[in-house]
Amino acid sequence: MRKLLAEYLGTALLVAIVVGSGIMATDLTQDVGLQLLINTIATVFGLAVLILILAPISGAHFNPVVTLVDLIQGKSSVIQFLQYAVVQTAGAITGAFLANAMFGNAIIQTATKIRSGNNLYLAEIVATAGLILVINLLVSQKNLTVIPAAVAAWIGSAYFFTSSTSFANPAVTIGRTFSDSFAGIAPECAPKFIAAQILGAIIGLGLVKALTNDK
């Protein structure tokens, strides 16, 4: 139960950070580049802290495809995957509600921001593959202490070098459909984003296997 609580809380706070900083950014400026920078900085620092404090409890996945990769590698059971995926998704939705409430908006919203196009799906494949590559190569190299900084750095970088601004997380994608803000994604766009993220995770795992002695 501690693990599930940690995954729920971590994913909720991650989405609260992503959505809340997006709302704050649009309140502060109309400059889209500056909005993205504010959103990125908050996410990078918040994500690093959440991984640092919760990794010893649950592994700090906060992401169903991270847990899926563990399942494929035999590091997790089907039951644990399902439990983690459910609490991660529930946490992400809670985080969106929390961010909406903190800024005095309607707690339950439906995002209207359209994010679609093959270029965005390709970007999600790249962002997610890179995330899986970073995590699993560092685990393979037994370099666990740098994972919080490395994962946050990858996501922060990918906010700017990918056209999709690096969602790289099915639970977070679902959570962001519940906030009609700078960080939102319209519900009808989410399934293709999630499919791209799953494909990216599998590609990332394949690259890990190719680069290591892991079977």
N, C-alpha and C. Protein backbone atom coordinates (compact mmCIF):
# COMPACT_ATOMS: atom_id res chain seq x y z
N MET A 1 0.82 -1.21 0.00
CA MET A 1 0.00 0.00 0.00
C MET A 1 0.86 1.26 0.00
N ARG A 2 2.02 1.20 0.69
CA ARG A 2 2.91 2.36 0.66
C ARG A 2 3.38 2.66 -0.76
N LYS A 3 3.68 1.61 -1.51
CA LYS A 3 4.12 1.79 -2.89
C LYS A 3 3.03 2.43 -3.74
N LEU A 4 1.81 1.93 -3.57
CA LEU A 4 0.70 2.47 -4.36
C LEU A 4 0.40 3.91 -3.98
N LEU A 5 0.49 4.21 -2.68
CA LEU A 5 0.28 5.59 -2.25
C LEU A 5 1.36 6.50 -2.81
N ALA A 6 2.60 6.02 -2.83
CA ALA A 6 3.70 6.81 -3.36
C ALA A 6 3.51 7.09 -4.85
N GLU A 7 3.05 6.07 -5.60
CA GLU A 7 2.82 6.26 -7.04
C GLU A 7 1.65 7.21 -7.29
N TYR A 8 0.61 7.06 -6.49
CA TYR A 8 -0.55 7.96 -6.62
C TYR A 8 -0.14 9.40 -6.30
N LEU A 9 0.52 9.59 -5.17
CA LEU A 9 0.90 10.92 -4.74
C LEU A 9 1.89 11.55 -5.70
N GLY A 10 2.88 10.77 -6.12
CA GLY A 10 3.89 11.31 -7.03
C GLY A 10 3.31 11.74 -8.36
N THR A 11 2.42 10.92 -8.93
CA THR A 11 1.82 11.28 -10.21
C THR A 11 0.87 12.45 -10.06
N ALA A 12 0.14 12.50 -8.96
CA ALA A 12 -0.76 13.63 -8.71
C ALA A 12 0.02 14.94 -8.61
N LEU A 13 1.10 14.92 -7.85
CA LEU A 13 1.89 16.15 -7.70
C LEU A 13 2.59 16.52 -9.00
N LEU A 14 3.03 15.52 -9.77
CA LEU A 14 3.66 15.81 -11.06
C LEU A 14 2.69 16.54 -11.99
N VAL A 15 1.46 16.04 -12.08
CA VAL A 15 0.48 16.69 -12.96
C VAL A 15 0.07 18.05 -12.40
N ALA A 16 -0.02 18.16 -11.08
CA ALA A 16 -0.31 19.47 -10.48
C ALA A 16 0.77 20.47 -10.84
N ILE A 17 2.02 20.01 -10.87
CA ILE A 17 3.13 20.88 -11.25
C ILE A 17 3.03 21.28 -12.72
N VAL A 18 2.81 20.29 -13.58
CA VAL A 18 2.73 20.56 -15.02
C VAL A 18 1.57 21.50 -15.35
N VAL A 19 0.40 21.17 -14.85
CA VAL A 19 -0.80 21.96 -15.17
C VAL A 19 -0.77 23.30 -14.44
N GLY A 20 -0.42 23.26 -13.15
CA GLY A 20 -0.39 24.51 -12.38
C GLY A 20 0.59 25.51 -12.93
N SER A 21 1.78 25.06 -13.31
CA SER A 21 2.77 26.00 -13.87
C SER A 21 2.33 26.50 -15.24
N GLY A 22 1.57 25.66 -15.97
CA GLY A 22 1.03 26.11 -17.25
C GLY A 22 0.00 27.21 -17.07
N ILE A 23 -0.85 27.05 -16.06
CA ILE A 23 -1.85 28.09 -15.78
C ILE A 23 -1.15 29.37 -15.30
N MET A 24 -0.20 29.22 -14.40
CA MET A 24 0.55 30.38 -13.91
C MET A 24 1.25 31.10 -15.05
N ALA A 25 1.84 30.33 -15.96
CA ALA A 25 2.57 30.93 -17.08
C ALA A 25 1.66 31.80 -17.93
N THR A 26 0.46 31.31 -18.22
CA THR A 26 -0.45 32.10 -19.05
C THR A 26 -1.02 33.29 -18.30
N ASP A 27 -1.06 33.21 -16.96
CA ASP A 27 -1.48 34.36 -16.16
C ASP A 27 -0.41 35.45 -16.15
N LEU A 28 0.86 35.04 -16.26
CA LEU A 28 1.97 35.98 -16.14
C LEU A 28 2.34 36.66 -17.45
N THR A 29 2.19 35.93 -18.57
CA THR A 29 2.67 36.48 -19.84
C THR A 29 1.89 35.89 -21.01
N GLN A 30 1.86 36.63 -22.09
CA GLN A 30 1.25 36.14 -23.33
C GLN A 30 2.31 35.63 -24.31
N ASP A 31 3.57 35.71 -23.91
CA ASP A 31 4.68 35.22 -24.73
C ASP A 31 4.72 33.69 -24.64
N VAL A 32 4.42 33.01 -25.74
CA VAL A 32 4.32 31.55 -25.71
C VAL A 32 5.66 30.90 -25.37
N GLY A 33 6.74 31.48 -25.87
CA GLY A 33 8.06 30.93 -25.55
C GLY A 33 8.35 31.02 -24.06
N LEU A 34 8.00 32.14 -23.46
CA LEU A 34 8.21 32.31 -22.03
C LEU A 34 7.28 31.41 -21.23
N GLN A 35 6.06 31.22 -21.71
CA GLN A 35 5.13 30.29 -21.06
C GLN A 35 5.72 28.89 -21.01
N LEU A 36 6.28 28.46 -22.15
CA LEU A 36 6.87 27.12 -22.21
C LEU A 36 8.08 27.02 -21.28
N LEU A 37 8.86 28.08 -21.20
CA LEU A 37 10.03 28.07 -20.33
C LEU A 37 9.62 27.95 -18.86
N ILE A 38 8.60 28.70 -18.46
CA ILE A 38 8.10 28.62 -17.08
C ILE A 38 7.60 27.20 -16.78
N ASN A 39 6.82 26.66 -17.70
CA ASN A 39 6.28 25.31 -17.57
C ASN A 39 7.41 24.28 -17.45
N THR A 40 8.44 24.46 -18.25
CA THR A 40 9.57 23.52 -18.26
C THR A 40 10.36 23.57 -16.96
N ILE A 41 10.70 24.77 -16.51
CA ILE A 41 11.51 24.92 -15.30
C ILE A 41 10.80 24.30 -14.10
N ALA A 42 9.50 24.60 -13.96
CA ALA A 42 8.74 24.03 -12.84
C ALA A 42 8.71 22.51 -12.91
N THR A 43 8.52 21.98 -14.10
CA THR A 43 8.44 20.52 -14.26
C THR A 43 9.78 19.85 -13.95
N VAL A 44 10.86 20.43 -14.45
CA VAL A 44 12.19 19.85 -14.24
C VAL A 44 12.51 19.75 -12.74
N PHE A 45 12.34 20.86 -12.04
CA PHE A 45 12.68 20.85 -10.61
C PHE A 45 11.72 19.97 -9.81
N GLY A 46 10.43 20.07 -10.10
CA GLY A 46 9.44 19.29 -9.38
C GLY A 46 9.61 17.80 -9.60
N LEU A 47 9.86 17.40 -10.84
CA LEU A 47 10.02 15.98 -11.15
C LEU A 47 11.26 15.41 -10.46
N ALA A 48 12.35 16.16 -10.48
CA ALA A 48 13.58 15.69 -9.83
C ALA A 48 13.36 15.46 -8.34
N VAL A 49 12.67 16.38 -7.69
CA VAL A 49 12.41 16.24 -6.25
C VAL A 49 11.51 15.04 -5.98
N LEU A 50 10.46 14.87 -6.77
CA LEU A 50 9.53 13.76 -6.56
C LEU A 50 10.21 12.41 -6.72
N ILE A 51 11.05 12.28 -7.74
CA ILE A 51 11.79 11.02 -7.92
C ILE A 51 12.73 10.79 -6.76
N LEU A 52 13.41 11.83 -6.33
CA LEU A 52 14.40 11.71 -5.26
C LEU A 52 13.77 11.20 -3.96
N ILE A 53 12.60 11.73 -3.62
CA ILE A 53 12.02 11.38 -2.33
C ILE A 53 11.17 10.11 -2.37
N LEU A 54 10.62 9.76 -3.55
CA LEU A 54 9.70 8.62 -3.61
C LEU A 54 10.31 7.37 -4.24
N ALA A 55 11.43 7.51 -4.92
CA ALA A 55 12.06 6.33 -5.53
C ALA A 55 12.37 5.23 -4.51
N PRO A 56 12.84 5.57 -3.30
CA PRO A 56 13.12 4.50 -2.33
C PRO A 56 11.87 3.74 -1.88
N ILE A 57 10.70 4.32 -2.09
CA ILE A 57 9.46 3.68 -1.65
C ILE A 57 8.84 2.83 -2.75
N SER A 58 8.67 3.42 -3.94
CA SER A 58 7.94 2.71 -5.01
C SER A 58 8.73 2.55 -6.30
N GLY A 59 9.90 3.15 -6.36
CA GLY A 59 10.63 3.20 -7.62
C GLY A 59 10.35 4.47 -8.40
N ALA A 60 9.36 5.25 -7.95
CA ALA A 60 9.02 6.54 -8.57
C ALA A 60 8.82 6.41 -10.08
N HIS A 61 7.94 5.49 -10.48
CA HIS A 61 7.63 5.35 -11.90
C HIS A 61 6.79 6.54 -12.39
N PHE A 62 5.67 6.77 -11.74
CA PHE A 62 4.72 7.84 -12.08
C PHE A 62 4.28 7.76 -13.55
N ASN A 63 4.42 6.59 -14.16
CA ASN A 63 4.26 6.49 -15.61
C ASN A 63 3.99 5.03 -15.98
N PRO A 64 2.83 4.73 -16.54
CA PRO A 64 2.51 3.33 -16.87
C PRO A 64 3.49 2.67 -17.83
N VAL A 65 4.09 3.43 -18.76
CA VAL A 65 5.01 2.76 -19.69
C VAL A 65 6.33 2.41 -19.01
N VAL A 66 6.72 3.15 -17.97
CA VAL A 66 7.90 2.77 -17.19
C VAL A 66 7.63 1.44 -16.47
N THR A 67 6.43 1.32 -15.91
CA THR A 67 6.05 0.07 -15.24
C THR A 67 5.89 -1.05 -16.26
N LEU A 68 5.38 -0.74 -17.44
CA LEU A 68 5.22 -1.74 -18.50
C LEU A 68 6.58 -2.32 -18.90
N VAL A 69 7.57 -1.46 -19.03
CA VAL A 69 8.91 -1.92 -19.39
C VAL A 69 9.47 -2.84 -18.30
N ASP A 70 9.21 -2.51 -17.05
CA ASP A 70 9.61 -3.40 -15.95
C ASP A 70 8.92 -4.76 -16.07
N LEU A 71 7.64 -4.73 -16.43
CA LEU A 71 6.88 -5.98 -16.61
C LEU A 71 7.49 -6.82 -17.72
N ILE A 72 7.79 -6.20 -18.84
CA ILE A 72 8.37 -6.93 -19.98
C ILE A 72 9.71 -7.55 -19.59
N GLN A 73 10.46 -6.87 -18.74
CA GLN A 73 11.77 -7.36 -18.33
C GLN A 73 11.70 -8.34 -17.15
N GLY A 74 10.50 -8.61 -16.68
CA GLY A 74 10.35 -9.54 -15.57
C GLY A 74 10.66 -8.94 -14.22
N LYS A 75 10.72 -7.62 -14.15
CA LYS A 75 11.01 -6.95 -12.88
C LYS A 75 9.75 -6.58 -12.13
N SER A 76 8.60 -6.83 -12.75
CA SER A 76 7.32 -6.49 -12.14
C SER A 76 6.31 -7.56 -12.54
N SER A 77 5.29 -7.74 -11.73
CA SER A 77 4.24 -8.71 -12.04
C SER A 77 3.09 -8.01 -12.76
N VAL A 78 2.23 -8.82 -13.37
CA VAL A 78 1.05 -8.27 -14.04
C VAL A 78 0.18 -7.53 -13.03
N ILE A 79 0.03 -8.11 -11.84
CA ILE A 79 -0.79 -7.47 -10.80
C ILE A 79 -0.21 -6.12 -10.42
N GLN A 80 1.11 -6.07 -10.21
CA GLN A 80 1.72 -4.79 -9.85
C GLN A 80 1.59 -3.78 -10.98
N PHE A 81 1.75 -4.23 -12.22
CA PHE A 81 1.57 -3.32 -13.35
C PHE A 81 0.18 -2.71 -13.35
N LEU A 82 -0.83 -3.57 -13.19
CA LEU A 82 -2.21 -3.08 -13.20
C LEU A 82 -2.47 -2.13 -12.03
N GLN A 83 -1.96 -2.49 -10.85
CA GLN A 83 -2.15 -1.62 -9.68
C GLN A 83 -1.47 -0.26 -9.89
N TYR A 84 -0.25 -0.31 -10.35
CA TYR A 84 0.49 0.94 -10.58
C TYR A 84 -0.21 1.79 -11.64
N ALA A 85 -0.62 1.16 -12.75
CA ALA A 85 -1.26 1.92 -13.83
C ALA A 85 -2.54 2.60 -13.36
N VAL A 86 -3.30 1.89 -12.54
CA VAL A 86 -4.57 2.46 -12.03
C VAL A 86 -4.29 3.65 -11.11
N VAL A 87 -3.38 3.48 -10.15
CA VAL A 87 -3.15 4.58 -9.21
C VAL A 87 -2.41 5.74 -9.88
N GLN A 88 -1.56 5.45 -10.86
CA GLN A 88 -0.90 6.53 -11.59
C GLN A 88 -1.92 7.37 -12.36
N THR A 89 -2.85 6.70 -13.01
CA THR A 89 -3.88 7.42 -13.77
C THR A 89 -4.81 8.19 -12.85
N ALA A 90 -5.22 7.56 -11.75
CA ALA A 90 -6.06 8.25 -10.77
C ALA A 90 -5.32 9.45 -10.18
N GLY A 91 -4.04 9.28 -9.91
CA GLY A 91 -3.24 10.38 -9.38
C GLY A 91 -3.14 11.52 -10.37
N ALA A 92 -2.95 11.19 -11.65
CA ALA A 92 -2.83 12.23 -12.68
C ALA A 92 -4.11 13.06 -12.78
N ILE A 93 -5.25 12.39 -12.73
CA ILE A 93 -6.54 13.11 -12.79
C ILE A 93 -6.70 13.99 -11.55
N THR A 94 -6.35 13.44 -10.39
CA THR A 94 -6.42 14.22 -9.14
C THR A 94 -5.53 15.45 -9.23
N GLY A 95 -4.34 15.28 -9.78
CA GLY A 95 -3.41 16.40 -9.90
C GLY A 95 -3.96 17.52 -10.77
N ALA A 96 -4.64 17.15 -11.85
CA ALA A 96 -5.27 18.17 -12.71
C ALA A 96 -6.37 18.91 -11.96
N PHE A 97 -7.18 18.16 -11.22
CA PHE A 97 -8.24 18.78 -10.42
C PHE A 97 -7.63 19.75 -9.40
N LEU A 98 -6.55 19.31 -8.76
CA LEU A 98 -5.88 20.14 -7.75
C LEU A 98 -5.35 21.43 -8.35
N ALA A 99 -4.70 21.32 -9.50
CA ALA A 99 -4.16 22.52 -10.15
C ALA A 99 -5.29 23.48 -10.53
N ASN A 100 -6.35 22.93 -11.10
CA ASN A 100 -7.50 23.78 -11.45
C ASN A 100 -8.03 24.52 -10.23
N ALA A 101 -8.16 23.79 -9.12
CA ALA A 101 -8.70 24.38 -7.89
C ALA A 101 -7.77 25.45 -7.33
N MET A 102 -6.47 25.21 -7.37
CA MET A 102 -5.51 26.17 -6.80
C MET A 102 -5.56 27.52 -7.50
N PHE A 103 -5.97 27.52 -8.77
CA PHE A 103 -6.02 28.78 -9.52
C PHE A 103 -7.44 29.31 -9.66
N GLY A 104 -8.36 28.76 -8.87
CA GLY A 104 -9.71 29.29 -8.84
C GLY A 104 -10.53 28.96 -10.07
N ASN A 105 -10.11 27.95 -10.82
CA ASN A 105 -10.86 27.54 -12.00
C ASN A 105 -11.84 26.42 -11.64
N ALA A 106 -12.73 26.12 -12.56
CA ALA A 106 -13.62 24.98 -12.35
C ALA A 106 -12.75 23.74 -12.12
N ILE A 107 -13.06 22.97 -11.09
CA ILE A 107 -12.21 21.83 -10.74
C ILE A 107 -12.18 20.80 -11.85
N ILE A 108 -13.34 20.47 -12.40
CA ILE A 108 -13.41 19.49 -13.48
C ILE A 108 -13.62 20.23 -14.80
N GLN A 109 -12.67 20.07 -15.69
CA GLN A 109 -12.72 20.72 -16.99
C GLN A 109 -12.44 19.68 -18.07
N THR A 110 -12.75 20.06 -19.30
CA THR A 110 -12.37 19.25 -20.46
C THR A 110 -11.48 20.09 -21.35
N ALA A 111 -10.28 19.62 -21.60
CA ALA A 111 -9.33 20.38 -22.41
C ALA A 111 -9.83 20.52 -23.84
N THR A 112 -9.54 21.65 -24.44
CA THR A 112 -9.93 21.89 -25.84
C THR A 112 -8.72 22.08 -26.76
N LYS A 113 -7.52 22.01 -26.19
CA LYS A 113 -6.31 22.24 -26.98
C LYS A 113 -6.05 21.02 -27.87
N ILE A 114 -6.13 21.22 -29.17
CA ILE A 114 -5.91 20.14 -30.14
C ILE A 114 -4.41 19.92 -30.33
N ARG A 115 -4.01 18.69 -30.12
CA ARG A 115 -2.62 18.29 -30.37
C ARG A 115 -2.68 17.04 -31.25
N SER A 116 -2.48 17.22 -32.53
CA SER A 116 -2.56 16.08 -33.44
C SER A 116 -1.61 16.31 -34.61
N GLY A 117 -1.29 15.23 -35.29
CA GLY A 117 -0.39 15.29 -36.44
C GLY A 117 0.73 14.28 -36.29
N ASN A 118 1.16 13.72 -37.42
CA ASN A 118 2.20 12.70 -37.38
C ASN A 118 3.50 13.20 -36.77
N ASN A 119 3.77 14.49 -36.93
CA ASN A 119 5.00 15.05 -36.34
C ASN A 119 4.94 15.00 -34.82
N LEU A 120 3.77 15.22 -34.26
CA LEU A 120 3.64 15.16 -32.80
C LEU A 120 3.74 13.72 -32.30
N TYR A 121 3.17 12.79 -33.05
CA TYR A 121 3.24 11.39 -32.63
C TYR A 121 4.69 10.88 -32.70
N LEU A 122 5.41 11.31 -33.74
CA LEU A 122 6.82 10.97 -33.83
C LEU A 122 7.58 11.55 -32.65
N ALA A 123 7.25 12.78 -32.29
CA ALA A 123 7.91 13.43 -31.15
C ALA A 123 7.66 12.66 -29.86
N GLU A 124 6.44 12.16 -29.68
CA GLU A 124 6.14 11.37 -28.48
C GLU A 124 6.89 10.04 -28.46
N ILE A 125 7.07 9.44 -29.64
CA ILE A 125 7.88 8.22 -29.72
C ILE A 125 9.31 8.51 -29.28
N VAL A 126 9.87 9.60 -29.79
CA VAL A 126 11.25 9.97 -29.46
C VAL A 126 11.39 10.29 -27.98
N ALA A 127 10.47 11.09 -27.46
CA ALA A 127 10.54 11.51 -26.06
C ALA A 127 10.44 10.32 -25.12
N THR A 128 9.52 9.40 -25.43
CA THR A 128 9.31 8.25 -24.55
C THR A 128 10.45 7.24 -24.68
N ALA A 129 10.90 7.01 -25.90
CA ALA A 129 12.04 6.10 -26.09
C ALA A 129 13.26 6.62 -25.35
N GLY A 130 13.49 7.91 -25.41
CA GLY A 130 14.62 8.50 -24.71
C GLY A 130 14.50 8.37 -23.21
N LEU A 131 13.28 8.55 -22.70
CA LEU A 131 13.05 8.40 -21.26
C LEU A 131 13.37 6.99 -20.79
N ILE A 132 12.87 6.00 -21.52
CA ILE A 132 13.13 4.59 -21.17
C ILE A 132 14.62 4.28 -21.29
N LEU A 133 15.26 4.82 -22.29
CA LEU A 133 16.70 4.62 -22.49
C LEU A 133 17.50 5.17 -21.32
N VAL A 134 17.17 6.40 -20.91
CA VAL A 134 17.88 7.04 -19.80
C VAL A 134 17.73 6.23 -18.51
N ILE A 135 16.50 5.89 -18.17
CA ILE A 135 16.25 5.17 -16.92
C ILE A 135 16.95 3.81 -16.91
N ASN A 136 16.74 3.04 -17.96
CA ASN A 136 17.21 1.66 -17.94
C ASN A 136 18.70 1.52 -18.16
N LEU A 137 19.32 2.43 -18.91
CA LEU A 137 20.77 2.39 -19.03
C LEU A 137 21.42 2.73 -17.70
N LEU A 138 20.88 3.71 -17.00
CA LEU A 138 21.44 4.07 -15.70
C LEU A 138 21.25 2.94 -14.69
N VAL A 139 20.12 2.27 -14.74
CA VAL A 139 19.91 1.11 -13.86
C VAL A 139 20.91 0.01 -14.19
N SER A 140 21.08 -0.26 -15.50
CA SER A 140 22.02 -1.29 -15.93
C SER A 140 23.44 -0.96 -15.49
N GLN A 141 23.78 0.33 -15.49
CA GLN A 141 25.12 0.78 -15.11
C GLN A 141 25.26 0.96 -13.60
N LYS A 142 24.16 0.64 -12.87
CA LYS A 142 24.13 0.79 -11.41
C LYS A 142 24.48 2.21 -10.98
N ASN A 143 23.98 3.15 -11.74
CA ASN A 143 24.23 4.57 -11.49
C ASN A 143 22.92 5.23 -11.05
N LEU A 144 22.35 4.68 -9.98
CA LEU A 144 20.99 5.05 -9.58
C LEU A 144 20.89 6.45 -9.00
N THR A 145 21.95 6.95 -8.41
CA THR A 145 21.86 8.24 -7.71
C THR A 145 21.62 9.41 -8.65
N VAL A 146 21.98 9.24 -9.92
CA VAL A 146 21.80 10.37 -10.85
C VAL A 146 20.48 10.29 -11.60
N ILE A 147 19.69 9.24 -11.37
CA ILE A 147 18.43 9.09 -12.12
C ILE A 147 17.49 10.29 -11.94
N PRO A 148 17.27 10.80 -10.71
CA PRO A 148 16.36 11.95 -10.60
C PRO A 148 16.77 13.13 -11.48
N ALA A 149 18.04 13.48 -11.45
CA ALA A 149 18.52 14.61 -12.25
C ALA A 149 18.49 14.29 -13.74
N ALA A 150 18.88 13.06 -14.10
CA ALA A 150 18.94 12.69 -15.51
C ALA A 150 17.56 12.64 -16.15
N VAL A 151 16.60 12.05 -15.45
CA VAL A 151 15.24 11.97 -15.98
C VAL A 151 14.64 13.37 -16.12
N ALA A 152 14.81 14.19 -15.10
CA ALA A 152 14.29 15.56 -15.16
C ALA A 152 14.96 16.34 -16.28
N ALA A 153 16.26 16.14 -16.46
CA ALA A 153 16.98 16.84 -17.52
C ALA A 153 16.49 16.42 -18.90
N TRP A 154 16.25 15.10 -19.07
CA TRP A 154 15.76 14.62 -20.36
C TRP A 154 14.38 15.22 -20.67
N ILE A 155 13.47 15.16 -19.70
CA ILE A 155 12.13 15.70 -19.93
C ILE A 155 12.18 17.21 -20.19
N GLY A 156 13.00 17.92 -19.43
CA GLY A 156 13.14 19.36 -19.64
C GLY A 156 13.68 19.68 -21.02
N SER A 157 14.68 18.93 -21.44
CA SER A 157 15.24 19.13 -22.77
C SER A 157 14.20 18.84 -23.84
N ALA A 158 13.47 17.74 -23.65
CA ALA A 158 12.49 17.33 -24.66
C ALA A 158 11.29 18.27 -24.74
N TYR A 159 11.04 19.04 -23.68
CA TYR A 159 10.00 20.08 -23.76
C TYR A 159 10.28 21.01 -24.93
N PHE A 160 11.57 21.25 -25.18
CA PHE A 160 11.96 22.21 -26.21
C PHE A 160 12.36 21.59 -27.54
N PHE A 161 12.93 20.36 -27.53
CA PHE A 161 13.39 19.84 -28.82
C PHE A 161 12.38 18.92 -29.49
N THR A 162 11.26 18.59 -28.81
CA THR A 162 10.20 17.83 -29.46
C THR A 162 9.00 18.73 -29.72
N SER A 163 8.34 18.48 -30.84
CA SER A 163 7.19 19.32 -31.22
C SER A 163 5.99 19.09 -30.32
N SER A 164 5.96 17.96 -29.61
CA SER A 164 4.83 17.64 -28.74
C SER A 164 5.01 18.16 -27.32
N THR A 165 6.17 18.73 -27.03
CA THR A 165 6.58 19.19 -25.69
C THR A 165 6.64 18.03 -24.69
N SER A 166 6.91 16.84 -25.18
CA SER A 166 7.30 15.70 -24.34
C SER A 166 6.33 15.36 -23.22
N PHE A 167 5.17 14.81 -23.59
CA PHE A 167 4.29 14.23 -22.57
C PHE A 167 4.93 12.95 -22.04
N ALA A 168 5.21 12.00 -22.95
CA ALA A 168 5.98 10.78 -22.65
C ALA A 168 5.40 9.95 -21.50
N ASN A 169 4.08 10.03 -21.30
CA ASN A 169 3.48 9.40 -20.13
C ASN A 169 1.96 9.27 -20.33
N PRO A 170 1.45 8.05 -20.48
CA PRO A 170 0.00 7.90 -20.69
C PRO A 170 -0.85 8.44 -19.55
N ALA A 171 -0.43 8.24 -18.30
CA ALA A 171 -1.23 8.72 -17.17
C ALA A 171 -1.28 10.25 -17.17
N VAL A 172 -0.14 10.88 -17.39
CA VAL A 172 -0.09 12.34 -17.44
C VAL A 172 -0.92 12.85 -18.61
N THR A 173 -0.87 12.15 -19.73
CA THR A 173 -1.67 12.54 -20.90
C THR A 173 -3.15 12.55 -20.54
N ILE A 174 -3.60 11.50 -19.86
CA ILE A 174 -5.02 11.42 -19.45
C ILE A 174 -5.33 12.54 -18.46
N GLY A 175 -4.45 12.76 -17.49
CA GLY A 175 -4.68 13.82 -16.52
C GLY A 175 -4.82 15.18 -17.17
N ARG A 176 -4.00 15.43 -18.18
CA ARG A 176 -4.01 16.74 -18.83
C ARG A 176 -5.25 16.98 -19.68
N THR A 177 -6.05 15.95 -19.93
CA THR A 177 -7.32 16.16 -20.64
C THR A 177 -8.35 16.82 -19.73
N PHE A 178 -8.05 16.87 -18.43
CA PHE A 178 -9.02 17.41 -17.47
C PHE A 178 -8.72 18.86 -17.08
N SER A 179 -7.87 19.54 -17.85
CA SER A 179 -7.62 20.95 -17.57
C SER A 179 -7.53 21.71 -18.89
N ASP A 180 -8.44 22.64 -19.06
CA ASP A 180 -8.46 23.43 -20.30
C ASP A 180 -7.50 24.60 -20.16
N SER A 181 -6.21 24.27 -20.22
CA SER A 181 -5.17 25.26 -19.96
C SER A 181 -4.04 25.09 -20.98
N PHE A 182 -2.98 25.86 -20.79
CA PHE A 182 -1.80 25.79 -21.64
C PHE A 182 -1.27 24.36 -21.73
N ALA A 183 -1.38 23.59 -20.65
CA ALA A 183 -0.83 22.24 -20.59
C ALA A 183 -1.83 21.17 -21.01
N GLY A 184 -3.04 21.56 -21.39
CA GLY A 184 -4.08 20.59 -21.68
C GLY A 184 -3.92 19.91 -23.02
N ILE A 185 -4.66 18.82 -23.18
CA ILE A 185 -4.77 18.11 -24.46
C ILE A 185 -6.20 17.63 -24.61
N ALA A 186 -6.81 17.93 -25.74
CA ALA A 186 -8.20 17.52 -25.95
C ALA A 186 -8.33 16.01 -25.87
N PRO A 187 -9.38 15.50 -25.23
CA PRO A 187 -9.52 14.05 -25.04
C PRO A 187 -9.42 13.24 -26.32
N GLU A 188 -9.92 13.78 -27.42
CA GLU A 188 -9.89 13.02 -28.66
C GLU A 188 -8.47 12.86 -29.22
N CYS A 189 -7.55 13.66 -28.72
CA CYS A 189 -6.15 13.56 -29.17
C CYS A 189 -5.33 12.59 -28.32
N ALA A 190 -5.83 12.27 -27.14
CA ALA A 190 -5.04 11.48 -26.20
C ALA A 190 -4.72 10.05 -26.66
N PRO A 191 -5.69 9.31 -27.27
CA PRO A 191 -5.38 7.92 -27.62
C PRO A 191 -4.16 7.75 -28.53
N LYS A 192 -4.01 8.62 -29.52
CA LYS A 192 -2.87 8.49 -30.43
C LYS A 192 -1.58 8.87 -29.72
N PHE A 193 -1.64 9.84 -28.82
CA PHE A 193 -0.47 10.17 -28.02
C PHE A 193 -0.04 8.96 -27.19
N ILE A 194 -1.01 8.31 -26.57
CA ILE A 194 -0.71 7.15 -25.72
C ILE A 194 -0.14 6.00 -26.56
N ALA A 195 -0.72 5.77 -27.74
CA ALA A 195 -0.20 4.72 -28.61
C ALA A 195 1.25 5.00 -29.00
N ALA A 196 1.55 6.26 -29.29
CA ALA A 196 2.92 6.64 -29.64
C ALA A 196 3.85 6.45 -28.46
N GLN A 197 3.37 6.74 -27.27
CA GLN A 197 4.19 6.57 -26.06
C GLN A 197 4.50 5.09 -25.81
N ILE A 198 3.53 4.23 -26.01
CA ILE A 198 3.76 2.78 -25.83
C ILE A 198 4.78 2.29 -26.86
N LEU A 199 4.62 2.71 -28.11
CA LEU A 199 5.58 2.33 -29.14
C LEU A 199 6.97 2.85 -28.81
N GLY A 200 7.04 4.09 -28.34
CA GLY A 200 8.32 4.66 -27.95
C GLY A 200 8.98 3.89 -26.83
N ALA A 201 8.19 3.44 -25.87
CA ALA A 201 8.73 2.67 -24.75
C ALA A 201 9.33 1.36 -25.23
N ILE A 202 8.65 0.70 -26.16
CA ILE A 202 9.16 -0.57 -26.69
C ILE A 202 10.45 -0.34 -27.48
N ILE A 203 10.49 0.73 -28.26
CA ILE A 203 11.71 1.07 -29.00
C ILE A 203 12.84 1.38 -28.03
N GLY A 204 12.53 2.14 -26.99
CA GLY A 204 13.54 2.47 -25.99
C GLY A 204 14.11 1.23 -25.34
N LEU A 205 13.24 0.27 -25.00
CA LEU A 205 13.71 -0.97 -24.40
C LEU A 205 14.59 -1.75 -25.37
N GLY A 206 14.20 -1.76 -26.64
CA GLY A 206 15.02 -2.44 -27.64
C GLY A 206 16.40 -1.83 -27.73
N LEU A 207 16.48 -0.51 -27.64
CA LEU A 207 17.78 0.16 -27.68
C LEU A 207 18.62 -0.18 -26.45
N VAL A 208 17.96 -0.26 -25.30
CA VAL A 208 18.67 -0.66 -24.07
C VAL A 208 19.29 -2.04 -24.24
N LYS A 209 18.50 -2.99 -24.78
CA LYS A 209 19.00 -4.36 -24.97
C LYS A 209 20.17 -4.37 -25.94
N ALA A 210 20.08 -3.54 -26.97
CA ALA A 210 21.16 -3.49 -27.98
C ALA A 210 22.45 -2.90 -27.43
N LEU A 211 22.31 -2.03 -26.42
CA LEU A 211 23.47 -1.31 -25.88
C LEU A 211 24.07 -1.97 -24.65
N THR A 212 23.41 -3.00 -24.14
CA THR A 212 23.89 -3.66 -22.92
C THR A 212 23.99 -5.15 -23.15
N ASN A 213 24.43 -5.84 -22.13
CA ASN A 213 24.50 -7.30 -22.20
C ASN A 213 23.23 -7.96 -21.70
N ASP A 214 22.22 -7.13 -21.37
CA ASP A 214 20.95 -7.68 -20.88
C ASP A 214 20.27 -8.47 -21.97
N LYS A 215 19.70 -9.62 -21.60
CA LYS A 215 18.98 -10.46 -22.58
C LYS A 215 17.51 -10.08 -22.62
